[in-house]
């Protein structure tokens, strides 16, 4: 059974979400201010937090980093009555699991919650598994919380066959992280091929990467 925290000044919304959570056999608690939400999140271990944007004592998006940094590091689902593409982008970049406008269907909010809980479980399983495993991380130095978070993603990605897209400014070490994923994966004995796509002529990119058959 998961623990869900609902932070929303609309008591009807709190009631609706609490009922939905209870139907899924999870435990729900709700508060109507950001201050109450932060205090409760700091005391209890929550798996998911539903966070409203426009609250009487502040903007939920501005409090998102603080909520994500509490002890249980919950997944956060932003809910708002005012759809804003920029707000959605900011929320996702800041680490929110999802950004949903009020007026959502029961199916939509349920699916988002179930996926967040599944992701959390998989993340915790991978974290436990790799606590005793030494990650190969040649030339990746440091032990800050931010870097450790990245190393957890390396470990998770290395176990998957999914495609991985790494973004970042020039010089931040994208190739180092790509190589670390390769060296910790089951493909570590295969060749690691680096291709500088900016050096390829635009008209020949597809042929050079994937081959060309005349006609």
N, C-alpha and C. Protein backbone atom coordinates (compact mmCIF):
# COMPACT_ATOMS: atom_id res chain seq x y z
N UNK A 1 0.85 -1.20 0.00
CA UNK A 1 0.00 0.00 0.00
C UNK A 1 0.88 1.24 0.00
N UNK A 2 0.63 2.13 -0.93
CA UNK A 2 1.42 3.36 -1.05
C UNK A 2 0.77 4.49 -0.24
N UNK A 3 1.59 5.49 0.13
CA UNK A 3 1.09 6.66 0.84
C UNK A 3 1.12 7.85 -0.10
N UNK A 4 -0.02 8.51 -0.22
CA UNK A 4 -0.17 9.62 -1.16
C UNK A 4 -0.53 10.89 -0.39
N UNK A 5 0.16 11.99 -0.71
CA UNK A 5 -0.14 13.28 -0.11
C UNK A 5 -0.76 14.19 -1.15
N UNK A 6 -1.87 14.83 -0.81
CA UNK A 6 -2.57 15.75 -1.72
C UNK A 6 -2.46 17.16 -1.15
N UNK A 7 -1.86 18.07 -1.92
CA UNK A 7 -1.72 19.47 -1.50
C UNK A 7 -2.54 20.32 -2.45
N UNK A 8 -3.71 20.74 -2.01
CA UNK A 8 -4.63 21.50 -2.87
C UNK A 8 -5.58 22.29 -1.98
N UNK A 9 -5.80 23.56 -2.31
CA UNK A 9 -6.69 24.40 -1.49
C UNK A 9 -8.17 24.16 -1.80
N UNK A 10 -8.45 23.36 -2.82
CA UNK A 10 -9.82 23.03 -3.18
C UNK A 10 -10.21 21.75 -2.44
N UNK A 11 -11.06 21.89 -1.42
CA UNK A 11 -11.42 20.73 -0.60
C UNK A 11 -12.16 19.66 -1.40
N UNK A 12 -12.92 20.09 -2.40
CA UNK A 12 -13.61 19.13 -3.25
C UNK A 12 -12.62 18.28 -4.04
N UNK A 13 -11.55 18.94 -4.53
CA UNK A 13 -10.51 18.22 -5.27
C UNK A 13 -9.79 17.24 -4.34
N UNK A 14 -9.52 17.69 -3.11
CA UNK A 14 -8.88 16.80 -2.13
C UNK A 14 -9.74 15.57 -1.88
N UNK A 15 -11.04 15.79 -1.75
CA UNK A 15 -11.96 14.68 -1.50
C UNK A 15 -12.00 13.71 -2.69
N UNK A 16 -12.05 14.28 -3.90
CA UNK A 16 -12.10 13.46 -5.11
C UNK A 16 -10.85 12.59 -5.24
N UNK A 17 -9.68 13.21 -5.06
CA UNK A 17 -8.43 12.47 -5.18
C UNK A 17 -8.27 11.45 -4.06
N UNK A 18 -8.71 11.80 -2.86
CA UNK A 18 -8.62 10.87 -1.73
C UNK A 18 -9.46 9.63 -1.99
N UNK A 19 -10.66 9.84 -2.54
CA UNK A 19 -11.55 8.72 -2.87
C UNK A 19 -10.91 7.83 -3.94
N UNK A 20 -10.34 8.45 -4.94
CA UNK A 20 -9.70 7.70 -6.02
C UNK A 20 -8.54 6.87 -5.47
N UNK A 21 -7.74 7.48 -4.61
CA UNK A 21 -6.59 6.77 -4.02
C UNK A 21 -7.07 5.60 -3.16
N UNK A 22 -8.11 5.83 -2.38
CA UNK A 22 -8.64 4.77 -1.51
C UNK A 22 -9.17 3.59 -2.32
N UNK A 23 -9.79 3.89 -3.46
CA UNK A 23 -10.30 2.81 -4.33
C UNK A 23 -9.18 1.93 -4.85
N UNK A 24 -7.98 2.50 -4.95
CA UNK A 24 -6.82 1.74 -5.41
C UNK A 24 -6.07 1.08 -4.24
N UNK A 25 -6.71 1.10 -3.08
CA UNK A 25 -6.17 0.45 -1.87
C UNK A 25 -4.91 1.12 -1.36
N UNK A 26 -4.79 2.42 -1.59
CA UNK A 26 -3.66 3.18 -1.06
C UNK A 26 -4.16 4.14 0.03
N UNK A 27 -3.22 4.71 0.77
CA UNK A 27 -3.57 5.64 1.85
C UNK A 27 -3.37 7.08 1.39
N UNK A 28 -4.35 7.93 1.64
CA UNK A 28 -4.27 9.33 1.20
C UNK A 28 -4.42 10.28 2.38
N UNK A 29 -3.64 11.35 2.35
CA UNK A 29 -3.78 12.45 3.31
C UNK A 29 -3.79 13.74 2.50
N UNK A 30 -4.54 14.73 2.97
CA UNK A 30 -4.64 15.98 2.21
C UNK A 30 -4.48 17.19 3.13
N UNK A 31 -3.90 18.25 2.55
CA UNK A 31 -3.75 19.53 3.25
C UNK A 31 -4.11 20.63 2.25
N UNK A 32 -4.40 21.84 2.79
CA UNK A 32 -4.87 22.91 1.91
C UNK A 32 -3.90 24.08 1.79
N UNK A 33 -2.69 23.95 2.34
CA UNK A 33 -1.66 24.98 2.17
C UNK A 33 -0.32 24.34 1.89
N UNK A 34 0.57 25.09 1.24
CA UNK A 34 1.90 24.59 0.94
C UNK A 34 2.70 24.38 2.23
N UNK A 35 2.52 25.27 3.20
CA UNK A 35 3.23 25.15 4.47
C UNK A 35 2.89 23.83 5.16
N UNK A 36 1.60 23.52 5.20
CA UNK A 36 1.18 22.25 5.81
C UNK A 36 1.75 21.07 5.03
N UNK A 37 1.75 21.20 3.70
CA UNK A 37 2.25 20.12 2.86
C UNK A 37 3.72 19.84 3.10
N UNK A 38 4.53 20.91 3.19
CA UNK A 38 5.96 20.73 3.43
C UNK A 38 6.22 20.12 4.80
N UNK A 39 5.49 20.56 5.79
CA UNK A 39 5.67 20.03 7.14
C UNK A 39 5.33 18.54 7.19
N UNK A 40 4.22 18.16 6.56
CA UNK A 40 3.79 16.77 6.57
C UNK A 40 4.75 15.91 5.75
N UNK A 41 5.19 16.43 4.60
CA UNK A 41 6.11 15.68 3.74
C UNK A 41 7.44 15.44 4.44
N UNK A 42 7.83 16.37 5.32
CA UNK A 42 9.08 16.21 6.04
C UNK A 42 9.00 15.20 7.17
N UNK A 43 7.78 14.92 7.65
CA UNK A 43 7.59 13.99 8.77
C UNK A 43 7.26 12.58 8.32
N UNK A 44 6.51 12.45 7.23
CA UNK A 44 6.04 11.15 6.76
C UNK A 44 6.75 10.73 5.47
N UNK A 45 6.71 9.44 5.20
CA UNK A 45 7.30 8.93 3.96
C UNK A 45 6.20 8.71 2.91
N UNK A 46 6.13 9.64 1.98
CA UNK A 46 5.12 9.54 0.93
C UNK A 46 5.74 9.02 -0.37
N UNK A 47 4.94 8.28 -1.12
CA UNK A 47 5.41 7.75 -2.41
C UNK A 47 5.11 8.74 -3.54
N UNK A 48 3.94 9.36 -3.46
CA UNK A 48 3.51 10.31 -4.50
C UNK A 48 2.86 11.52 -3.84
N UNK A 49 3.13 12.69 -4.41
CA UNK A 49 2.48 13.92 -3.94
C UNK A 49 1.72 14.55 -5.11
N UNK A 50 0.43 14.80 -4.91
CA UNK A 50 -0.35 15.60 -5.85
C UNK A 50 -0.20 17.05 -5.41
N UNK A 51 0.30 17.90 -6.28
CA UNK A 51 0.61 19.28 -5.91
C UNK A 51 -0.10 20.27 -6.81
N UNK A 52 -0.94 21.12 -6.21
CA UNK A 52 -1.62 22.17 -6.96
C UNK A 52 -0.65 23.33 -7.20
N UNK A 53 -0.87 24.09 -8.26
CA UNK A 53 0.03 25.20 -8.60
C UNK A 53 -0.38 26.47 -7.86
N UNK A 54 -1.62 26.90 -8.03
CA UNK A 54 -2.07 28.16 -7.43
C UNK A 54 -2.62 27.92 -6.03
N UNK A 55 -1.77 28.13 -5.05
CA UNK A 55 -2.14 27.92 -3.65
C UNK A 55 -2.23 29.26 -2.93
N UNK A 56 -2.99 29.36 -1.85
CA UNK A 56 -3.14 30.64 -1.16
C UNK A 56 -1.84 31.19 -0.58
N UNK A 57 -0.88 30.32 -0.29
CA UNK A 57 0.37 30.80 0.30
C UNK A 57 1.57 30.64 -0.64
N UNK A 58 1.32 30.55 -1.95
CA UNK A 58 2.44 30.50 -2.88
C UNK A 58 2.14 29.71 -4.14
N UNK A 59 3.18 29.61 -4.99
CA UNK A 59 3.09 28.86 -6.24
C UNK A 59 3.68 27.46 -6.03
N UNK A 60 2.88 26.45 -6.31
CA UNK A 60 3.33 25.07 -6.09
C UNK A 60 4.61 24.73 -6.84
N UNK A 61 4.78 25.27 -8.05
CA UNK A 61 5.98 24.96 -8.84
C UNK A 61 7.24 25.44 -8.14
N UNK A 62 7.14 26.55 -7.41
CA UNK A 62 8.31 27.07 -6.72
C UNK A 62 8.70 26.21 -5.53
N UNK A 63 7.74 25.46 -5.02
CA UNK A 63 8.00 24.58 -3.87
C UNK A 63 8.35 23.16 -4.30
N UNK A 64 8.26 22.89 -5.60
CA UNK A 64 8.51 21.54 -6.12
C UNK A 64 9.88 20.99 -5.70
N UNK A 65 10.99 21.75 -5.86
CA UNK A 65 12.30 21.21 -5.46
C UNK A 65 12.36 20.85 -3.97
N UNK A 66 11.72 21.63 -3.12
CA UNK A 66 11.75 21.35 -1.68
C UNK A 66 11.00 20.06 -1.36
N UNK A 67 9.88 19.85 -2.03
CA UNK A 67 9.09 18.64 -1.78
C UNK A 67 9.83 17.41 -2.27
N UNK A 68 10.52 17.54 -3.40
CA UNK A 68 11.25 16.40 -3.95
C UNK A 68 12.48 16.04 -3.12
N UNK A 69 12.96 16.98 -2.29
CA UNK A 69 14.17 16.74 -1.53
C UNK A 69 13.90 16.22 -0.11
N UNK A 70 12.62 16.05 0.27
CA UNK A 70 12.33 15.50 1.59
C UNK A 70 12.78 14.05 1.63
N UNK A 71 12.87 13.50 2.81
CA UNK A 71 13.48 12.19 3.01
C UNK A 71 13.03 11.08 2.08
N UNK A 72 11.72 11.00 1.79
CA UNK A 72 11.23 9.88 0.98
C UNK A 72 11.34 10.14 -0.52
N UNK A 73 11.80 11.34 -0.90
CA UNK A 73 11.92 11.75 -2.32
C UNK A 73 10.74 11.26 -3.17
N UNK A 74 9.54 11.74 -2.87
CA UNK A 74 8.35 11.26 -3.59
C UNK A 74 8.29 11.72 -5.04
N UNK A 75 7.52 10.99 -5.84
CA UNK A 75 7.23 11.43 -7.20
C UNK A 75 6.13 12.48 -7.08
N UNK A 76 6.22 13.55 -7.87
CA UNK A 76 5.26 14.65 -7.76
C UNK A 76 4.44 14.77 -9.04
N UNK A 77 3.13 14.78 -8.88
CA UNK A 77 2.21 14.99 -10.00
C UNK A 77 1.59 16.38 -9.82
N UNK A 78 1.88 17.27 -10.75
CA UNK A 78 1.34 18.63 -10.69
C UNK A 78 -0.09 18.63 -11.22
N UNK A 79 -1.00 19.27 -10.48
CA UNK A 79 -2.37 19.43 -10.96
C UNK A 79 -2.71 20.92 -10.93
N UNK A 80 -3.32 21.42 -11.99
CA UNK A 80 -3.59 22.85 -12.07
C UNK A 80 -4.89 23.12 -12.81
N UNK A 81 -5.54 24.21 -12.44
CA UNK A 81 -6.76 24.62 -13.12
C UNK A 81 -6.47 25.55 -14.27
N UNK A 82 -5.20 25.93 -14.43
CA UNK A 82 -4.82 26.87 -15.48
C UNK A 82 -3.70 26.26 -16.31
N UNK A 83 -4.05 25.69 -17.46
CA UNK A 83 -3.04 25.09 -18.32
C UNK A 83 -2.04 26.12 -18.84
N UNK A 84 -0.77 25.81 -18.73
CA UNK A 84 0.28 26.72 -19.17
C UNK A 84 1.42 25.90 -19.73
N UNK A 85 1.65 25.95 -21.06
CA UNK A 85 2.73 25.17 -21.67
C UNK A 85 4.08 25.44 -21.01
N UNK A 86 4.35 26.70 -20.69
CA UNK A 86 5.62 27.03 -20.04
C UNK A 86 5.70 26.43 -18.65
N UNK A 87 4.56 26.45 -17.96
CA UNK A 87 4.52 25.85 -16.62
C UNK A 87 4.73 24.35 -16.68
N UNK A 88 4.13 23.72 -17.69
CA UNK A 88 4.29 22.28 -17.85
C UNK A 88 5.75 21.93 -18.12
N UNK A 89 6.39 22.70 -18.99
CA UNK A 89 7.80 22.45 -19.31
C UNK A 89 8.67 22.64 -18.08
N UNK A 90 8.41 23.70 -17.32
CA UNK A 90 9.17 23.97 -16.11
C UNK A 90 8.99 22.85 -15.10
N UNK A 91 7.76 22.37 -14.96
CA UNK A 91 7.47 21.31 -13.99
C UNK A 91 8.24 20.04 -14.32
N UNK A 92 8.19 19.64 -15.59
CA UNK A 92 8.87 18.40 -15.99
C UNK A 92 10.38 18.55 -15.87
N UNK A 93 10.91 19.70 -16.28
CA UNK A 93 12.35 19.93 -16.16
C UNK A 93 12.79 19.96 -14.70
N UNK A 94 11.88 20.36 -13.81
CA UNK A 94 12.21 20.44 -12.39
C UNK A 94 12.05 19.10 -11.68
N UNK A 95 11.61 18.10 -12.43
CA UNK A 95 11.55 16.75 -11.87
C UNK A 95 10.17 16.21 -11.59
N UNK A 96 9.11 16.95 -11.92
CA UNK A 96 7.76 16.44 -11.69
C UNK A 96 7.50 15.22 -12.57
N UNK A 97 6.73 14.28 -12.04
CA UNK A 97 6.42 13.08 -12.82
C UNK A 97 5.44 13.40 -13.95
N UNK A 98 4.44 14.25 -13.64
CA UNK A 98 3.41 14.54 -14.64
C UNK A 98 2.81 15.93 -14.35
N UNK A 99 2.15 16.49 -15.34
CA UNK A 99 1.51 17.81 -15.24
C UNK A 99 0.12 17.67 -15.83
N UNK A 100 -0.89 17.73 -14.98
CA UNK A 100 -2.26 17.44 -15.41
C UNK A 100 -3.17 18.62 -15.10
N UNK A 101 -3.98 19.01 -16.08
CA UNK A 101 -4.94 20.09 -15.89
C UNK A 101 -6.21 19.55 -15.22
N UNK A 102 -6.78 20.35 -14.31
CA UNK A 102 -8.02 19.95 -13.67
C UNK A 102 -9.11 19.85 -14.73
N UNK A 103 -10.03 18.95 -14.48
CA UNK A 103 -10.99 18.60 -15.51
C UNK A 103 -10.59 17.26 -16.12
N UNK A 104 -9.52 16.68 -15.55
CA UNK A 104 -9.01 15.39 -16.01
C UNK A 104 -10.07 14.30 -15.80
N UNK A 105 -9.92 13.23 -16.55
CA UNK A 105 -10.80 12.07 -16.37
C UNK A 105 -10.22 11.18 -15.27
N UNK A 106 -11.08 10.36 -14.67
CA UNK A 106 -10.63 9.42 -13.65
C UNK A 106 -9.57 8.48 -14.24
N UNK A 107 -9.78 8.08 -15.49
CA UNK A 107 -8.83 7.17 -16.14
C UNK A 107 -7.46 7.84 -16.27
N UNK A 108 -7.46 9.12 -16.65
CA UNK A 108 -6.21 9.83 -16.86
C UNK A 108 -5.41 9.96 -15.56
N UNK A 109 -6.06 10.39 -14.49
CA UNK A 109 -5.35 10.59 -13.23
C UNK A 109 -4.95 9.25 -12.61
N UNK A 110 -5.77 8.23 -12.78
CA UNK A 110 -5.44 6.90 -12.27
C UNK A 110 -4.22 6.35 -12.97
N UNK A 111 -4.18 6.49 -14.29
CA UNK A 111 -3.05 5.99 -15.07
C UNK A 111 -1.76 6.69 -14.67
N UNK A 112 -1.84 8.00 -14.47
CA UNK A 112 -0.65 8.75 -14.07
C UNK A 112 -0.15 8.28 -12.71
N UNK A 113 -1.07 8.07 -11.76
CA UNK A 113 -0.69 7.60 -10.43
C UNK A 113 -0.07 6.21 -10.49
N UNK A 114 -0.69 5.30 -11.25
CA UNK A 114 -0.18 3.93 -11.34
C UNK A 114 1.21 3.90 -11.97
N UNK A 115 1.41 4.72 -13.00
CA UNK A 115 2.71 4.74 -13.65
C UNK A 115 3.78 5.34 -12.73
N UNK A 116 3.40 6.36 -11.96
CA UNK A 116 4.35 6.97 -11.03
C UNK A 116 4.76 5.96 -9.96
N UNK A 117 3.81 5.20 -9.45
CA UNK A 117 4.11 4.20 -8.43
C UNK A 117 4.95 3.06 -9.00
N UNK A 118 4.66 2.66 -10.24
CA UNK A 118 5.45 1.60 -10.88
C UNK A 118 6.88 2.06 -11.11
N UNK A 119 7.04 3.31 -11.57
CA UNK A 119 8.37 3.87 -11.79
C UNK A 119 9.14 3.94 -10.48
N UNK A 120 8.45 4.36 -9.42
CA UNK A 120 9.09 4.46 -8.11
C UNK A 120 9.57 3.10 -7.63
N UNK A 121 8.75 2.09 -7.80
CA UNK A 121 9.12 0.73 -7.38
C UNK A 121 10.34 0.24 -8.15
N UNK A 122 10.33 0.44 -9.47
CA UNK A 122 11.46 -0.01 -10.28
C UNK A 122 12.73 0.74 -9.91
N UNK A 123 12.60 2.04 -9.64
CA UNK A 123 13.75 2.85 -9.26
C UNK A 123 14.34 2.37 -7.93
N UNK A 124 13.46 2.05 -6.99
CA UNK A 124 13.92 1.57 -5.69
C UNK A 124 14.57 0.19 -5.81
N UNK A 125 13.99 -0.67 -6.65
CA UNK A 125 14.57 -2.01 -6.85
C UNK A 125 15.97 -1.92 -7.43
N UNK A 126 16.12 -1.04 -8.43
CA UNK A 126 17.44 -0.86 -9.06
C UNK A 126 18.42 -0.28 -8.06
N UNK A 127 17.94 0.70 -7.26
CA UNK A 127 18.82 1.31 -6.27
C UNK A 127 19.31 0.31 -5.26
N UNK A 128 18.43 -0.58 -4.79
CA UNK A 128 18.83 -1.60 -3.83
C UNK A 128 19.83 -2.57 -4.44
N UNK A 129 19.59 -2.93 -5.69
CA UNK A 129 20.46 -3.89 -6.35
C UNK A 129 21.87 -3.35 -6.53
N UNK A 130 21.96 -2.05 -6.82
CA UNK A 130 23.27 -1.48 -7.12
C UNK A 130 24.00 -0.91 -5.91
N UNK A 131 23.40 -1.04 -4.73
CA UNK A 131 24.10 -0.56 -3.54
C UNK A 131 25.38 -1.34 -3.29
N UNK A 132 25.37 -2.64 -3.68
CA UNK A 132 26.53 -3.47 -3.43
C UNK A 132 27.37 -3.67 -4.69
N UNK A 133 27.01 -3.00 -5.74
CA UNK A 133 27.72 -3.15 -7.01
C UNK A 133 28.60 -1.93 -7.26
N UNK A 134 29.84 -2.18 -7.65
CA UNK A 134 30.74 -1.08 -7.98
C UNK A 134 30.52 -0.67 -9.42
N UNK A 135 30.07 0.53 -9.62
CA UNK A 135 29.79 1.04 -10.97
C UNK A 135 31.09 1.46 -11.64
N UNK A 136 31.28 1.01 -12.87
CA UNK A 136 32.44 1.46 -13.64
C UNK A 136 32.18 2.89 -14.10
N UNK A 137 33.01 3.81 -13.68
CA UNK A 137 32.76 5.23 -13.97
C UNK A 137 34.06 5.95 -14.24
N UNK A 138 34.84 5.41 -15.15
CA UNK A 138 36.15 5.98 -15.47
C UNK A 138 36.02 7.46 -15.87
N UNK A 139 36.81 8.31 -15.23
CA UNK A 139 36.88 9.75 -15.48
C UNK A 139 35.65 10.52 -15.00
N UNK A 140 34.67 9.85 -14.42
CA UNK A 140 33.55 10.56 -13.82
C UNK A 140 33.84 10.64 -12.32
N UNK A 141 34.23 11.80 -11.86
CA UNK A 141 34.66 11.94 -10.48
C UNK A 141 33.68 12.80 -9.68
N UNK A 142 33.70 12.61 -8.36
CA UNK A 142 32.83 13.39 -7.50
C UNK A 142 31.83 12.51 -6.77
N UNK A 143 31.18 13.06 -5.75
CA UNK A 143 30.20 12.30 -4.97
C UNK A 143 29.09 13.20 -4.43
N UNK A 144 28.78 14.25 -5.19
CA UNK A 144 27.71 15.15 -4.78
C UNK A 144 26.36 14.47 -4.96
N UNK A 145 25.31 14.95 -4.27
CA UNK A 145 23.97 14.37 -4.44
C UNK A 145 23.51 14.39 -5.89
N UNK A 146 23.82 15.49 -6.60
CA UNK A 146 23.40 15.59 -8.01
C UNK A 146 24.08 14.54 -8.86
N UNK A 147 25.39 14.32 -8.62
CA UNK A 147 26.13 13.33 -9.40
C UNK A 147 25.66 11.92 -9.04
N UNK A 148 25.43 11.68 -7.76
CA UNK A 148 24.95 10.35 -7.35
C UNK A 148 23.62 10.02 -8.01
N UNK A 149 22.78 11.04 -8.17
CA UNK A 149 21.51 10.83 -8.85
C UNK A 149 21.74 10.42 -10.31
N UNK A 150 22.73 11.06 -10.94
CA UNK A 150 23.07 10.71 -12.33
C UNK A 150 23.63 9.29 -12.41
N UNK A 151 24.43 8.92 -11.43
CA UNK A 151 25.01 7.57 -11.42
C UNK A 151 23.93 6.50 -11.26
N UNK A 152 22.89 6.82 -10.49
CA UNK A 152 21.77 5.89 -10.36
C UNK A 152 21.08 5.69 -11.71
N UNK A 153 20.97 6.79 -12.48
CA UNK A 153 20.37 6.69 -13.80
C UNK A 153 21.24 5.88 -14.74
N UNK A 154 22.57 6.00 -14.60
CA UNK A 154 23.49 5.20 -15.41
C UNK A 154 23.25 3.72 -15.13
N UNK A 155 23.17 3.37 -13.83
CA UNK A 155 22.96 1.97 -13.46
C UNK A 155 21.63 1.45 -14.00
N UNK A 156 20.60 2.29 -13.91
CA UNK A 156 19.28 1.88 -14.40
C UNK A 156 19.29 1.73 -15.92
N UNK A 157 19.91 2.66 -16.61
CA UNK A 157 19.94 2.63 -18.08
C UNK A 157 20.76 1.45 -18.59
N UNK A 158 21.84 1.13 -17.87
CA UNK A 158 22.72 0.05 -18.31
C UNK A 158 22.01 -1.30 -18.32
N UNK A 159 21.00 -1.45 -17.47
CA UNK A 159 20.28 -2.72 -17.39
C UNK A 159 19.17 -2.83 -18.43
N UNK A 160 18.92 -1.74 -19.13
CA UNK A 160 17.80 -1.71 -20.07
C UNK A 160 18.27 -1.80 -21.52
N UNK A 161 17.39 -2.27 -22.38
CA UNK A 161 17.67 -2.27 -23.82
C UNK A 161 17.03 -1.07 -24.49
N UNK A 162 16.45 -0.18 -23.71
CA UNK A 162 15.81 1.01 -24.27
C UNK A 162 16.84 1.99 -24.79
N UNK A 163 16.45 2.80 -25.78
CA UNK A 163 17.33 3.85 -26.27
C UNK A 163 17.46 4.93 -25.20
N UNK A 164 18.62 5.53 -25.10
CA UNK A 164 18.88 6.57 -24.10
C UNK A 164 19.34 7.84 -24.80
N UNK A 165 18.70 8.96 -24.44
CA UNK A 165 19.08 10.26 -25.00
C UNK A 165 19.67 11.10 -23.89
N UNK A 166 20.92 11.52 -24.04
CA UNK A 166 21.61 12.32 -23.03
C UNK A 166 21.77 13.73 -23.57
N UNK A 167 21.29 14.71 -22.83
CA UNK A 167 21.39 16.09 -23.28
C UNK A 167 22.23 16.91 -22.31
N UNK A 168 22.77 18.01 -22.80
CA UNK A 168 23.59 18.87 -21.95
C UNK A 168 24.46 19.77 -22.80
N UNK A 169 25.00 20.80 -22.18
CA UNK A 169 25.84 21.73 -22.90
C UNK A 169 27.18 21.09 -23.27
N UNK A 170 27.87 21.71 -24.22
CA UNK A 170 29.17 21.23 -24.64
C UNK A 170 30.13 21.20 -23.45
N UNK A 171 30.81 20.06 -23.30
CA UNK A 171 31.81 19.95 -22.24
C UNK A 171 31.30 19.43 -20.91
N UNK A 172 30.02 19.06 -20.85
CA UNK A 172 29.47 18.58 -19.57
C UNK A 172 29.68 17.08 -19.37
N UNK A 173 30.19 16.39 -20.38
CA UNK A 173 30.52 14.97 -20.19
C UNK A 173 29.50 13.99 -20.71
N UNK A 174 28.76 14.37 -21.75
CA UNK A 174 27.73 13.47 -22.30
C UNK A 174 28.34 12.16 -22.79
N UNK A 175 29.49 12.26 -23.46
CA UNK A 175 30.12 11.04 -23.99
C UNK A 175 30.63 10.15 -22.85
N UNK A 176 31.12 10.75 -21.78
CA UNK A 176 31.58 9.97 -20.63
C UNK A 176 30.44 9.16 -20.03
N UNK A 177 29.27 9.79 -19.94
CA UNK A 177 28.13 9.09 -19.38
C UNK A 177 27.62 8.01 -20.33
N UNK A 178 27.66 8.29 -21.61
CA UNK A 178 27.25 7.28 -22.60
C UNK A 178 28.19 6.08 -22.52
N UNK A 179 29.48 6.35 -22.39
CA UNK A 179 30.46 5.27 -22.30
C UNK A 179 30.26 4.47 -21.00
N UNK A 180 29.92 5.17 -19.92
CA UNK A 180 29.69 4.49 -18.64
C UNK A 180 28.49 3.55 -18.73
N UNK A 181 27.43 4.00 -19.42
CA UNK A 181 26.26 3.14 -19.62
C UNK A 181 26.67 1.88 -20.38
N UNK A 182 27.47 2.07 -21.43
CA UNK A 182 27.92 0.94 -22.24
C UNK A 182 28.78 -0.02 -21.42
N UNK A 183 29.70 0.52 -20.63
CA UNK A 183 30.65 -0.32 -19.90
C UNK A 183 30.00 -1.06 -18.73
N UNK A 184 28.82 -0.62 -18.31
CA UNK A 184 28.12 -1.31 -17.23
C UNK A 184 26.97 -2.17 -17.73
N UNK A 185 26.85 -2.27 -19.05
CA UNK A 185 25.75 -3.03 -19.63
C UNK A 185 26.22 -4.42 -20.07
N UNK A 186 25.26 -5.23 -20.51
CA UNK A 186 25.60 -6.56 -21.02
C UNK A 186 26.33 -6.47 -22.35
N UNK A 187 26.36 -5.26 -22.94
CA UNK A 187 27.02 -5.07 -24.25
C UNK A 187 28.46 -4.57 -24.09
N UNK A 188 28.98 -4.63 -22.87
CA UNK A 188 30.28 -4.02 -22.60
C UNK A 188 31.42 -4.62 -23.42
N UNK A 189 31.27 -5.87 -23.89
CA UNK A 189 32.34 -6.48 -24.69
C UNK A 189 32.23 -6.13 -26.17
N UNK A 190 31.13 -5.49 -26.54
CA UNK A 190 30.96 -5.05 -27.92
C UNK A 190 31.62 -3.68 -28.12
N UNK A 191 31.75 -3.28 -29.38
CA UNK A 191 32.39 -1.99 -29.67
C UNK A 191 31.51 -0.83 -29.24
N UNK A 192 32.16 0.22 -28.72
CA UNK A 192 31.47 1.47 -28.39
C UNK A 192 31.87 2.46 -29.49
N UNK A 193 30.91 2.84 -30.32
CA UNK A 193 31.20 3.65 -31.49
C UNK A 193 30.72 5.09 -31.28
N UNK A 194 31.64 6.02 -31.44
CA UNK A 194 31.31 7.44 -31.30
C UNK A 194 31.21 8.05 -32.69
N UNK A 195 30.10 8.72 -32.95
CA UNK A 195 29.90 9.36 -34.26
C UNK A 195 29.62 10.85 -34.04
N UNK A 196 30.41 11.70 -34.65
CA UNK A 196 30.19 13.14 -34.58
C UNK A 196 29.25 13.53 -35.73
N UNK A 197 27.98 13.61 -35.42
CA UNK A 197 26.98 13.88 -36.46
C UNK A 197 27.15 15.27 -37.09
N UNK A 198 27.74 16.21 -36.35
CA UNK A 198 27.91 17.56 -36.90
C UNK A 198 28.94 17.57 -38.02
N UNK A 199 29.77 16.53 -38.10
CA UNK A 199 30.79 16.48 -39.14
C UNK A 199 30.30 15.77 -40.39
N UNK A 200 29.07 15.25 -40.35
CA UNK A 200 28.53 14.52 -41.50
C UNK A 200 27.76 15.46 -42.42
N UNK A 201 27.95 15.36 -43.71
CA UNK A 201 27.16 16.18 -44.65
C UNK A 201 25.68 15.86 -44.50
N UNK A 202 24.86 16.89 -44.45
CA UNK A 202 23.43 16.69 -44.20
C UNK A 202 22.78 15.74 -45.20
N UNK A 203 23.22 15.80 -46.44
CA UNK A 203 22.60 14.98 -47.48
C UNK A 203 23.05 13.51 -47.42
N UNK A 204 24.10 13.23 -46.62
CA UNK A 204 24.64 11.87 -46.58
C UNK A 204 24.48 11.19 -45.22
N UNK A 205 23.84 11.88 -44.27
CA UNK A 205 23.74 11.34 -42.92
C UNK A 205 23.12 9.94 -42.90
N UNK A 206 21.97 9.79 -43.55
CA UNK A 206 21.27 8.50 -43.51
C UNK A 206 22.09 7.40 -44.16
N UNK A 207 22.72 7.72 -45.27
CA UNK A 207 23.51 6.70 -45.98
C UNK A 207 24.72 6.28 -45.16
N UNK A 208 25.39 7.24 -44.53
CA UNK A 208 26.59 6.93 -43.77
C UNK A 208 26.27 6.15 -42.50
N UNK A 209 25.16 6.47 -41.86
CA UNK A 209 24.80 5.79 -40.61
C UNK A 209 24.14 4.44 -40.85
N UNK A 210 23.28 4.35 -41.85
CA UNK A 210 22.47 3.16 -42.02
C UNK A 210 22.75 2.38 -43.33
N UNK A 211 23.66 2.92 -44.14
CA UNK A 211 23.98 2.23 -45.38
C UNK A 211 23.13 2.68 -46.55
N UNK A 212 23.59 2.38 -47.73
CA UNK A 212 22.87 2.83 -48.93
C UNK A 212 22.92 1.73 -49.98
N UNK A 213 21.78 1.50 -50.60
CA UNK A 213 21.70 0.51 -51.66
C UNK A 213 21.26 1.23 -52.93
N UNK A 214 22.06 1.16 -53.95
CA UNK A 214 21.79 1.88 -55.19
C UNK A 214 20.40 1.54 -55.75
N UNK A 215 19.65 2.61 -56.11
CA UNK A 215 18.32 2.40 -56.69
C UNK A 215 17.23 2.26 -55.66
